[in-house]
Amino acid sequence: MISLAVAPSPPFAAAREQFEAILSFVETDDAFTMSHGDLEAALAAQGRELIRRLLQDHLDLRADREPRLEVVDAAGVEHASVETGHQRSLTTVFGEVDVTRRAYRKRGEANLHPADGRLNLPREEYSHGLRKQVAVEVARDSYEEVVAAIERATGVRIGKRQVEELAIRSAVDFDAYYGACSRAPCALEDVLVLSCDGKGIVMRPEALRDGTRKAAAKTRQKLATRLSRGEKGNRKRMAEVGCVYDLAPVPRTPEQILRRPDDQEVAPPAPKAKAKWVTASVVDDAATVVAQIFEEAERRDPDHQRTWIALVDGNNHQIDLINREARKRQLTVHIVVDFIHVLEYLWKAAWCFHAEGDPAAEAWVRTQAMAVLKGKASQVAGAMRRSATLRGLASARREGVDTCATYLLNKRPYLGYPQALQEGWPIASGVIEGACRHLVKDRLDLTGARWGLAGAEAVLKLRALRTNGDFEEYWRFHLLREKRRIHQSRYLRNSIPGENDVP
């Protein structure tokens, strides 16, 4: 009997076949009757299939040319038995392909596939290109919208659970990246500003902190269709947000800060933040986030030559953490309470003396605020209390006065506005307020959303990377770390054998 061997297909035969099919299609009568939009859609789908076949043909060619190697695992055990034809699937931005490679075997040990390392294949079925698209999309939209966006762009359908898992995998190297990166030196005359704040995120019950979860378990919902007062507070977990930025000093006067509408004097421009860097975490506590913003600040000013300013909203725990980090690092940090918070307390006091909507309240607040800016917070606190006593205000009626006075006295060490204005420092925390709104509220405070811990943390990290303008550099760093974790760590001397030997 004579056996006729089947000649192997030439390289890229499938891709050539698809290319010829596309050429034939654009010459058909059907193509000439299409609108340009229908033609675009048809060519997009056929073009994706062409690129998928190109990728598949290339992978098949690599499999044909894969050399035999001497493979020793990380424990020093040689894998001398080799089997060809081992396959795994890979879902890419062009569609699904099969990766064929050699398996290096040793009885009792897991198989090794050096070709996987050279390709830097992920553990899961989804390619790094697809993971990157998910990371970009999930940072700006809901999981449902991400699923739809990925399908529109690639034709690939991914489930919501897989989207969340890919986002989590994408963000794992956030801390390592910022721990390894450096910053270009900034002008020594620019002040270095640090700020932090918190914003609550509605979480699934199992993702709440222990205290909140126990309080939630004790709460009995009064109404079946909505939450009542006091029931909403036990549904959230605080996301800690930190920010660091540089700022060219702009000296101002109290009068320029509290300008009247009819003032003719041209005020200097407000100090403008530059080189902003943000971070956020719903896993780490406030102490960890404060340490992270100090680390970022030290990357910018490793020799501590610049003026450091910490803008706070008056939270005592926050102030204590900043002071502790400053002492630990032997730093001088000027803590300034946000002037907008001071104004809010003054307005609470104003309504104790004036009827709601009384224009005189505005003039009263301006007078007190001007005095605070001039360094007279103690006098303001004492004067408003005396005024409330002389007017015979009842305890309930003067509550806003006493609250404001206590706030001014307690925060007096951090109300150094005369020095701040003279030196050109910022006195308002708009940057961190904006960071909280952008990183947390705009994405994680969607109506009806309840977050798992890992998913919320990943979205915060990915949004921070994009806000900082570091995403592309981070992604290169992330892929290198993935290669070390998944592949290089499995071989002796932390390398992939034959990595440079494949034609």
Protein backbone atom coordinates (compact mmCIF):
# COMPACT_ATOMS: atom_id res chain seq x y z
CA MET A 1 0.00 0.00 0.00
CA ILE A 2 1.33 3.41 -0.91
CA SER A 3 0.81 6.22 1.62
CA LEU A 4 0.66 9.77 0.31
CA ALA A 5 1.85 12.36 2.84
CA VAL A 6 -0.21 15.52 2.99
CA ALA A 7 1.96 18.54 2.32
CA PRO A 8 1.87 21.06 5.18
CA SER A 9 0.13 24.34 4.47
CA PRO A 10 2.50 27.20 3.70
CA PRO A 11 2.96 29.78 6.49
CA PHE A 12 0.09 32.26 6.87
CA ALA A 13 -2.15 30.33 4.46
CA ALA A 14 -5.27 31.03 6.56
CA ALA A 15 -4.51 34.74 6.70
CA ARG A 16 -3.95 34.87 2.95
CA GLU A 17 -7.23 33.06 2.40
CA GLN A 18 -9.07 35.64 4.52
CA PHE A 19 -7.33 38.52 2.75
CA GLU A 20 -8.40 37.16 -0.61
CA ALA A 21 -11.95 36.80 0.72
CA ILE A 22 -11.95 40.46 1.74
CA LEU A 23 -10.68 41.49 -1.70
CA SER A 24 -13.38 39.42 -3.34
CA PHE A 25 -16.04 40.93 -1.07
CA VAL A 26 -15.23 44.57 -1.86
CA GLU A 27 -15.56 43.79 -5.57
CA THR A 28 -19.01 42.19 -5.27
CA ASP A 29 -22.28 43.81 -6.31
CA ASP A 30 -23.46 43.62 -2.69
CA ALA A 31 -20.52 45.78 -1.55
CA PHE A 32 -21.31 48.40 -4.22
CA THR A 33 -24.91 48.70 -2.93
CA MET A 34 -23.86 49.31 0.68
CA SER A 35 -23.75 52.65 2.44
CA HIS A 36 -20.34 53.63 3.72
CA GLY A 37 -21.48 52.83 7.30
CA ASP A 38 -22.52 49.29 6.41
CA LEU A 39 -19.29 48.84 4.47
CA GLU A 40 -17.29 50.05 7.48
CA ALA A 41 -19.03 47.55 9.76
CA ALA A 42 -18.53 44.65 7.37
CA LEU A 43 -14.85 45.43 6.78
CA ALA A 44 -14.26 45.93 10.51
CA ALA A 45 -15.56 42.44 11.27
CA GLN A 46 -13.68 40.83 8.38
CA GLY A 47 -10.56 42.82 9.20
CA ARG A 48 -10.60 41.57 12.79
CA GLU A 49 -10.84 38.03 11.50
CA LEU A 50 -7.89 38.68 9.17
CA ILE A 51 -5.75 39.93 12.05
CA ARG A 52 -6.88 37.01 14.24
CA ARG A 53 -5.73 34.59 11.53
CA LEU A 54 -2.42 36.43 11.17
CA LEU A 55 -1.88 36.04 14.90
CA GLN A 56 -2.89 32.38 14.83
CA ASP A 57 -0.63 31.65 11.85
CA HIS A 58 2.26 33.40 13.57
CA LEU A 59 1.74 31.37 16.75
CA ASP A 60 1.61 28.17 14.68
CA LEU A 61 4.86 29.13 12.99
CA ARG A 62 6.50 29.76 16.37
CA ALA A 63 5.32 26.34 17.51
CA ASP A 64 6.89 24.70 14.43
CA ARG A 65 10.19 26.44 15.08
CA GLU A 66 10.32 26.03 18.87
CA PRO A 67 13.70 24.46 19.73
CA ARG A 68 14.29 21.78 22.32
CA LEU A 69 15.95 23.16 25.45
CA GLU A 70 17.55 22.07 28.69
CA VAL A 71 15.01 23.08 31.31
CA VAL A 72 15.60 23.20 35.07
CA ASP A 73 12.91 24.43 37.43
CA ALA A 74 13.37 26.83 40.35
CA ALA A 75 14.07 23.92 42.73
CA GLY A 76 16.93 22.72 40.53
CA VAL A 77 15.00 19.73 39.12
CA GLU A 78 15.61 19.02 35.43
CA HIS A 79 12.55 18.48 33.23
CA ALA A 80 14.05 16.22 30.58
CA SER A 81 10.92 14.63 29.09
CA VAL A 82 9.42 16.68 26.28
CA GLU A 83 6.01 16.43 24.62
CA THR A 84 4.97 18.51 21.64
CA GLY A 85 1.50 19.67 20.70
CA HIS A 86 0.33 20.96 24.09
CA GLN A 87 -2.33 23.60 23.48
CA ARG A 88 -4.03 26.35 25.45
CA SER A 89 -6.58 28.96 24.39
CA LEU A 90 -5.98 32.70 24.45
CA THR A 91 -8.79 35.23 23.99
CA THR A 92 -7.30 38.34 22.39
CA VAL A 93 -8.62 41.69 21.18
CA PHE A 94 -9.04 40.03 17.76
CA GLY A 95 -10.78 36.87 18.98
CA GLU A 96 -9.74 33.46 20.26
CA VAL A 97 -6.52 31.72 19.18
CA ASP A 98 -4.76 28.52 20.20
CA VAL A 99 -1.17 28.51 21.45
CA THR A 100 0.70 25.29 20.73
CA ARG A 101 4.02 24.64 22.50
CA ARG A 102 6.31 22.03 23.99
CA ALA A 103 5.71 20.76 27.54
CA TYR A 104 8.79 19.88 29.62
CA ARG A 105 7.81 17.16 32.07
CA LYS A 106 9.06 15.53 35.23
CA ARG A 107 7.08 12.91 37.12
CA GLY A 108 5.53 14.45 40.21
CA GLU A 109 6.19 18.01 39.05
CA ALA A 110 4.05 20.50 37.16
CA ASN A 111 4.77 20.83 33.45
CA LEU A 112 6.91 23.74 32.29
CA HIS A 113 6.28 25.63 29.05
CA PRO A 114 9.19 27.97 28.25
CA ALA A 115 7.34 29.26 25.18
CA ASP A 116 4.65 30.64 27.49
CA GLY A 117 7.31 32.75 29.17
CA ARG A 118 8.70 34.06 25.90
CA LEU A 119 5.17 35.06 24.92
CA ASN A 120 4.51 36.31 28.47
CA LEU A 121 1.12 34.62 28.48
CA PRO A 122 -1.25 35.43 31.34
CA ARG A 123 -2.57 32.84 33.76
CA GLU A 124 -6.14 33.37 32.64
CA GLU A 125 -7.49 32.93 29.13
CA TYR A 126 -7.65 36.67 28.38
CA SER A 127 -4.68 38.36 26.72
CA HIS A 128 -2.81 41.33 28.15
CA GLY A 129 -4.15 43.45 25.31
CA LEU A 130 -7.70 42.62 26.34
CA ARG A 131 -6.82 43.14 30.00
CA LYS A 132 -5.45 46.59 29.18
CA GLN A 133 -8.65 47.58 27.37
CA VAL A 134 -10.67 46.44 30.38
CA ALA A 135 -8.41 48.43 32.71
CA VAL A 136 -8.90 51.58 30.66
CA GLU A 137 -12.66 51.18 30.39
CA VAL A 138 -13.35 50.04 33.95
CA ALA A 139 -11.63 53.14 35.32
CA ARG A 140 -14.26 55.35 33.76
CA ASP A 141 -17.51 53.38 33.49
CA SER A 142 -19.68 50.69 35.06
CA TYR A 143 -19.02 47.01 34.49
CA GLU A 144 -22.08 46.75 32.26
CA GLU A 145 -20.83 49.59 30.07
CA VAL A 146 -17.35 48.04 29.99
CA VAL A 147 -18.78 44.75 28.71
CA ALA A 148 -20.59 46.64 25.95
CA ALA A 149 -17.58 48.84 25.09
CA ILE A 150 -15.22 45.86 24.79
CA GLU A 151 -17.66 44.02 22.53
CA ARG A 152 -18.10 47.10 20.32
CA ALA A 153 -14.35 47.62 20.00
CA THR A 154 -13.20 44.03 19.62
CA GLY A 155 -16.20 41.80 18.97
CA VAL A 156 -15.21 39.81 22.07
CA ARG A 157 -17.83 39.20 24.78
CA ILE A 158 -16.61 39.16 28.39
CA GLY A 159 -18.81 38.62 31.43
CA LYS A 160 -19.09 41.15 34.26
CA ARG A 161 -17.36 38.82 36.70
CA GLN A 162 -14.43 38.41 34.31
CA VAL A 163 -14.27 42.20 33.85
CA GLU A 164 -13.93 42.66 37.60
CA GLU A 165 -11.29 39.93 37.85
CA LEU A 166 -9.25 41.46 35.03
CA ALA A 167 -9.46 44.89 36.67
CA ILE A 168 -8.19 43.43 39.94
CA ARG A 169 -5.30 41.72 38.14
CA SER A 170 -4.50 44.96 36.34
CA ALA A 171 -4.06 46.98 39.52
CA VAL A 172 -1.92 44.59 41.60
CA ASP A 173 1.37 46.43 40.98
CA PHE A 174 0.19 49.94 41.91
CA ASP A 175 2.15 50.18 45.17
CA ALA A 176 5.25 48.49 43.72
CA TYR A 177 5.24 50.86 40.75
CA TYR A 178 5.17 54.01 42.84
CA GLY A 179 7.67 52.53 45.25
CA ALA A 180 10.12 52.05 42.37
CA CYS A 181 9.55 55.20 40.32
CA SER A 182 11.44 58.47 40.64
CA ARG A 183 10.43 62.08 40.10
CA ALA A 184 12.11 64.84 38.13
CA PRO A 185 13.41 67.59 40.44
CA CYS A 186 11.10 70.57 40.90
CA ALA A 187 11.96 74.22 41.55
CA LEU A 188 13.15 74.68 45.12
CA GLU A 189 11.09 77.85 45.46
CA ASP A 190 7.86 75.91 44.78
CA VAL A 191 6.07 74.77 47.90
CA LEU A 192 5.24 71.09 48.29
CA VAL A 193 1.62 70.57 49.28
CA LEU A 194 0.17 67.42 50.86
CA SER A 195 -3.50 66.81 51.53
CA CYS A 196 -5.79 63.91 52.41
CA ASP A 197 -9.47 63.28 52.97
CA GLY A 198 -12.03 60.50 52.95
CA LYS A 199 -15.15 59.60 51.00
CA GLY A 200 -17.61 56.81 51.76
CA ILE A 201 -18.43 54.01 49.30
CA VAL A 202 -21.53 51.82 49.54
CA MET A 203 -20.22 48.28 50.01
CA ARG A 204 -21.60 44.78 50.09
CA PRO A 205 -22.11 43.65 53.69
CA GLU A 206 -19.09 41.31 53.68
CA ALA A 207 -16.83 44.18 52.52
CA LEU A 208 -17.66 46.53 55.40
CA ARG A 209 -15.19 47.12 58.22
CA ASP A 210 -15.88 45.03 61.33
CA GLY A 211 -17.41 47.86 63.36
CA THR A 212 -19.67 49.00 60.54
CA ARG A 213 -20.75 45.47 59.72
CA LYS A 214 -21.70 44.78 63.35
CA ALA A 215 -23.64 48.05 63.53
CA ALA A 216 -25.40 47.20 60.27
CA ALA A 217 -26.35 43.76 61.60
CA LYS A 218 -28.09 45.42 64.58
CA THR A 219 -30.03 47.83 62.37
CA ARG A 220 -33.56 46.87 61.44
CA GLN A 221 -34.88 48.62 58.34
CA LYS A 222 -38.06 50.51 59.26
CA LEU A 223 -39.48 50.71 55.75
CA ALA A 224 -39.58 48.05 53.06
CA THR A 225 -39.01 50.35 50.08
CA ARG A 226 -36.40 52.86 51.29
CA LEU A 227 -33.81 53.55 53.97
CA SER A 228 -34.74 55.86 56.83
CA ARG A 229 -32.58 58.37 58.67
CA GLY A 230 -29.69 56.65 60.43
CA GLU A 231 -29.87 53.51 58.28
CA LYS A 232 -27.67 54.77 55.46
CA GLY A 233 -24.55 55.29 57.56
CA ASN A 234 -23.90 51.59 58.10
CA ARG A 235 -23.67 50.77 54.40
CA LYS A 236 -20.44 52.57 53.59
CA ARG A 237 -16.72 52.02 53.97
CA MET A 238 -14.40 55.00 53.90
CA ALA A 239 -12.03 55.39 50.96
CA GLU A 240 -8.94 57.31 52.00
CA VAL A 241 -7.70 59.76 49.36
CA GLY A 242 -4.31 61.47 49.29
CA CYS A 243 -2.83 64.15 47.07
CA VAL A 244 0.57 65.78 46.54
CA TYR A 245 1.30 68.72 44.26
CA ASP A 246 3.72 71.57 43.61
CA LEU A 247 2.72 75.20 43.76
CA ALA A 248 4.46 78.45 42.92
CA PRO A 249 3.87 80.81 45.90
CA VAL A 250 1.53 83.76 45.32
CA PRO A 251 1.51 86.24 48.24
CA ARG A 252 -1.92 87.74 48.96
CA THR A 253 -3.62 89.91 51.58
CA PRO A 254 -6.80 89.18 53.56
CA GLU A 255 -8.55 91.91 51.60
CA GLN A 256 -7.67 90.15 48.33
CA ILE A 257 -9.05 86.87 49.66
CA LEU A 258 -12.35 88.45 50.77
CA ARG A 259 -12.84 90.93 47.95
CA ARG A 260 -16.11 92.81 47.76
CA PRO A 261 -17.99 92.71 44.44
CA ASP A 262 -17.32 96.44 43.92
CA ASP A 263 -13.57 96.29 44.68
CA GLN A 264 -11.57 97.95 41.89
CA GLU A 265 -8.19 96.46 42.85
CA VAL A 266 -7.05 93.64 40.59
CA ALA A 267 -6.30 90.63 42.76
CA PRO A 268 -3.34 88.37 41.95
CA PRO A 269 -4.22 85.00 40.45
CA ALA A 270 -4.87 82.27 42.97
CA PRO A 271 -2.01 79.80 43.50
CA LYS A 272 -2.29 77.05 40.89
CA ALA A 273 -1.50 73.42 41.58
CA LYS A 274 0.85 71.62 39.18
CA ALA A 275 2.29 68.13 38.90
CA LYS A 276 -0.64 66.73 40.86
CA TRP A 277 -0.38 63.16 42.12
CA VAL A 278 -3.24 61.30 43.75
CA THR A 279 -3.75 57.98 45.46
CA ALA A 280 -6.77 56.32 47.04
CA SER A 281 -7.59 53.13 48.89
CA VAL A 282 -10.63 51.52 50.43
CA VAL A 283 -8.45 48.74 51.88
CA ASP A 284 -5.64 50.72 53.53
CA ASP A 285 -6.36 52.89 56.55
CA ALA A 286 -5.70 56.63 56.85
CA ALA A 287 -2.27 56.07 58.40
CA THR A 288 -1.11 54.07 55.38
CA VAL A 289 -2.38 56.64 52.89
CA VAL A 290 -0.72 59.49 54.84
CA ALA A 291 2.55 57.54 54.74
CA GLN A 292 2.12 57.10 50.97
CA ILE A 293 1.70 60.83 50.32
CA PHE A 294 4.81 61.51 52.42
CA GLU A 295 6.70 58.96 50.31
CA GLU A 296 5.58 60.70 47.12
CA ALA A 297 6.60 64.06 48.56
CA GLU A 298 10.03 62.69 49.46
CA ARG A 299 10.46 61.41 45.90
CA ARG A 300 10.10 65.05 44.84
CA ASP A 301 12.22 66.50 47.62
CA PRO A 302 14.52 63.77 48.95
CA ASP A 303 16.83 66.25 50.70
CA HIS A 304 13.97 68.13 52.39
CA GLN A 305 15.01 71.47 50.93
CA ARG A 306 11.57 72.79 50.06
CA THR A 307 8.72 74.19 52.15
CA TRP A 308 6.18 71.49 52.99
CA ILE A 309 2.53 72.41 53.55
CA ALA A 310 -0.24 70.06 54.71
CA LEU A 311 -3.79 71.25 53.99
CA VAL A 312 -6.38 69.63 56.25
CA ASP A 313 -10.07 70.01 57.03
CA GLY A 314 -9.50 70.00 60.78
CA ASN A 315 -9.89 66.28 61.43
CA ASN A 316 -7.86 65.60 64.58
CA HIS A 317 -6.90 62.05 63.59
CA GLN A 318 -5.67 63.32 60.25
CA ILE A 319 -3.59 66.04 61.92
CA ASP A 320 -2.09 63.52 64.37
CA LEU A 321 -1.09 61.21 61.52
CA ILE A 322 0.59 64.03 59.61
CA ASN A 323 2.50 65.17 62.69
CA ARG A 324 3.58 61.59 63.41
CA GLU A 325 4.89 61.05 59.88
CA ALA A 326 6.70 64.40 59.97
CA ARG A 327 8.44 63.50 63.23
CA LYS A 328 9.37 60.04 61.96
CA ARG A 329 10.98 61.55 58.86
CA GLN A 330 12.48 64.51 60.74
CA LEU A 331 10.54 66.99 58.64
CA THR A 332 9.04 70.40 59.26
CA VAL A 333 5.50 70.43 57.87
CA HIS A 334 3.32 73.53 58.16
CA ILE A 335 -0.26 72.36 58.77
CA VAL A 336 -2.96 74.73 57.54
CA VAL A 337 -6.68 74.20 58.12
CA ASP A 338 -8.78 74.76 55.02
CA PHE A 339 -10.22 78.28 55.21
CA ILE A 340 -13.46 77.16 53.51
CA HIS A 341 -14.18 74.93 56.52
CA VAL A 342 -13.66 77.92 58.81
CA LEU A 343 -16.18 79.89 56.76
CA GLU A 344 -18.74 77.09 57.12
CA TYR A 345 -18.44 77.27 60.91
CA LEU A 346 -18.74 81.06 60.83
CA TRP A 347 -21.95 80.79 58.83
CA LYS A 348 -23.37 78.37 61.41
CA ALA A 349 -22.66 81.00 64.06
CA ALA A 350 -24.14 83.77 61.91
CA TRP A 351 -27.58 82.14 61.85
CA CYS A 352 -27.66 82.31 65.65
CA PHE A 353 -27.63 86.12 65.43
CA HIS A 354 -29.54 86.72 62.19
CA ALA A 355 -32.69 85.50 60.53
CA GLU A 356 -32.33 83.15 57.57
CA GLY A 357 -31.60 85.20 54.45
CA ASP A 358 -30.73 88.40 56.35
CA PRO A 359 -28.06 90.32 54.31
CA ALA A 360 -26.52 91.47 57.57
CA ALA A 361 -25.37 87.88 58.17
CA GLU A 362 -23.10 88.12 55.15
CA ALA A 363 -21.45 91.30 56.44
CA TRP A 364 -21.05 89.71 59.89
CA VAL A 365 -19.36 86.62 58.43
CA ARG A 366 -17.03 88.77 56.34
CA THR A 367 -15.94 90.76 59.40
CA GLN A 368 -15.23 87.62 61.44
CA ALA A 369 -13.48 85.90 58.52
CA MET A 370 -11.27 88.95 57.94
CA ALA A 371 -10.23 88.87 61.60
CA VAL A 372 -9.44 85.14 61.38
CA LEU A 373 -7.28 85.75 58.28
CA LYS A 374 -5.40 88.42 60.26
CA GLY A 375 -4.58 85.93 63.02
CA LYS A 376 -7.31 86.87 65.53
CA ALA A 377 -9.19 83.58 65.78
CA SER A 378 -9.16 83.58 69.61
CA GLN A 379 -10.59 87.11 69.77
CA VAL A 380 -13.31 86.14 67.28
CA ALA A 381 -14.26 83.08 69.36
CA GLY A 382 -14.42 85.07 72.59
CA ALA A 383 -16.36 87.97 71.04
CA MET A 384 -19.08 85.78 69.52
CA ARG A 385 -19.59 83.94 72.80
CA ARG A 386 -19.86 87.21 74.73
CA SER A 387 -22.31 88.53 72.17
CA ALA A 388 -24.47 85.41 72.50
CA THR A 389 -24.46 85.75 76.30
CA LEU A 390 -25.31 89.47 76.21
CA ARG A 391 -28.20 88.77 73.86
CA GLY A 392 -29.49 86.13 76.23
CA LEU A 393 -29.56 83.39 73.62
CA ALA A 394 -30.83 80.07 74.94
CA SER A 395 -28.52 77.05 74.79
CA ALA A 396 -30.25 75.58 71.76
CA ARG A 397 -30.25 78.91 69.92
CA ARG A 398 -26.54 79.58 70.52
CA GLU A 399 -25.34 76.07 69.65
CA GLY A 400 -23.82 77.24 66.35
CA VAL A 401 -21.88 79.97 68.16
CA ASP A 402 -20.42 77.60 70.73
CA THR A 403 -19.54 75.03 68.07
CA CYS A 404 -17.75 77.64 65.95
CA ALA A 405 -15.91 79.15 68.92
CA THR A 406 -14.73 75.73 70.09
CA TYR A 407 -13.55 74.90 66.55
CA LEU A 408 -11.58 78.14 66.25
CA LEU A 409 -9.89 77.66 69.62
CA ASN A 410 -9.08 74.00 69.06
CA LYS A 411 -7.66 74.63 65.58
CA ARG A 412 -5.83 77.85 66.50
CA PRO A 413 -2.35 76.27 66.03
CA TYR A 414 -3.30 75.53 62.41
CA LEU A 415 -4.95 78.86 61.55
CA GLY A 416 -1.69 80.63 60.72
CA TYR A 417 -3.20 82.49 57.78
CA PRO A 418 -1.06 85.65 58.14
CA GLN A 419 2.13 83.66 57.47
CA ALA A 420 0.42 81.52 54.80
CA LEU A 421 -0.80 84.56 52.85
CA GLN A 422 2.47 86.43 53.22
CA GLU A 423 4.47 83.40 52.03
CA GLY A 424 2.05 82.67 49.18
CA TRP A 425 0.86 79.29 50.45
CA PRO A 426 -2.56 77.81 49.61
CA ILE A 427 -5.25 78.05 52.30
CA ALA A 428 -8.07 76.09 50.62
CA SER A 429 -8.25 72.35 50.00
CA GLY A 430 -10.02 72.42 46.65
CA VAL A 431 -7.50 70.02 45.09
CA ILE A 432 -8.19 67.17 47.51
CA GLU A 433 -11.92 67.88 47.37
CA GLY A 434 -11.74 67.55 43.59
CA ALA A 435 -9.69 64.36 43.91
CA CYS A 436 -12.33 62.81 46.20
CA ARG A 437 -15.05 63.75 43.76
CA HIS A 438 -13.17 62.48 40.70
CA LEU A 439 -11.64 59.29 42.13
CA VAL A 440 -14.53 58.16 44.30
CA LYS A 441 -17.84 59.92 43.76
CA ASP A 442 -17.86 60.13 39.95
CA ARG A 443 -17.19 56.41 39.51
CA LEU A 444 -17.99 54.47 42.68
CA ASP A 445 -21.01 56.41 43.87
CA LEU A 446 -23.27 55.29 41.03
CA THR A 447 -26.94 54.86 41.87
CA GLY A 448 -27.63 51.33 43.10
CA ALA A 449 -23.98 50.25 43.06
CA ARG A 450 -22.66 48.09 45.91
CA TRP A 451 -19.00 47.22 45.78
CA GLY A 452 -16.85 44.30 46.73
CA LEU A 453 -13.60 45.22 48.43
CA ALA A 454 -11.16 44.01 45.76
CA GLY A 455 -13.17 45.48 42.88
CA ALA A 456 -13.52 48.90 44.49
CA GLU A 457 -9.82 48.98 45.33
CA ALA A 458 -8.84 48.11 41.76
CA VAL A 459 -11.04 50.83 40.27
CA LEU A 460 -9.57 53.43 42.67
CA LYS A 461 -6.01 52.44 41.73
CA LEU A 462 -6.70 52.46 37.98
CA ARG A 463 -8.43 55.86 38.19
CA ALA A 464 -5.49 57.24 40.16
CA LEU A 465 -3.02 55.98 37.55
CA ARG A 466 -4.94 57.65 34.75
CA THR A 467 -5.36 60.87 36.73
CA ASN A 468 -1.61 60.96 37.41
CA GLY A 469 -0.82 60.39 33.71
CA ASP A 470 1.17 57.26 34.65
CA PHE A 471 -0.99 54.52 33.14
CA GLU A 472 1.12 53.67 30.08
CA GLU A 473 4.37 53.56 32.04
CA TYR A 474 2.67 51.58 34.78
CA TRP A 475 1.38 49.06 32.24
CA ARG A 476 4.88 48.33 30.97
CA PHE A 477 6.00 47.87 34.58
CA HIS A 478 3.00 45.63 35.28
CA LEU A 479 3.75 43.33 32.33
CA LEU A 480 7.36 42.92 33.44
CA ARG A 481 6.17 42.03 36.94
CA GLU A 482 3.68 39.55 35.48
CA LYS A 483 6.49 37.86 33.57
CA ARG A 484 8.56 37.50 36.73
CA ARG A 485 5.63 36.23 38.79
CA ILE A 486 4.16 33.75 36.34
CA HIS A 487 7.15 32.57 34.32
CA GLN A 488 10.65 33.54 35.42
CA SER A 489 10.00 32.49 39.03
CA ARG A 490 9.47 28.88 37.86
CA TYR A 491 12.97 28.41 36.48
CA LEU A 492 16.42 28.16 38.01
CA ARG A 493 18.21 31.51 38.22
CA ASN A 494 14.89 33.28 37.72
CA SER A 495 15.13 33.16 33.91
CA ILE A 496 13.30 31.60 31.01
CA PRO A 497 15.63 29.21 29.15
CA GLY A 498 16.23 29.90 25.51
CA GLU A 499 14.41 33.23 25.67
CA ASN A 500 16.74 34.71 23.09
CA ASP A 501 17.19 31.49 21.10
CA VAL A 502 13.92 31.46 19.17
CA PRO A 503 14.32 32.69 15.55
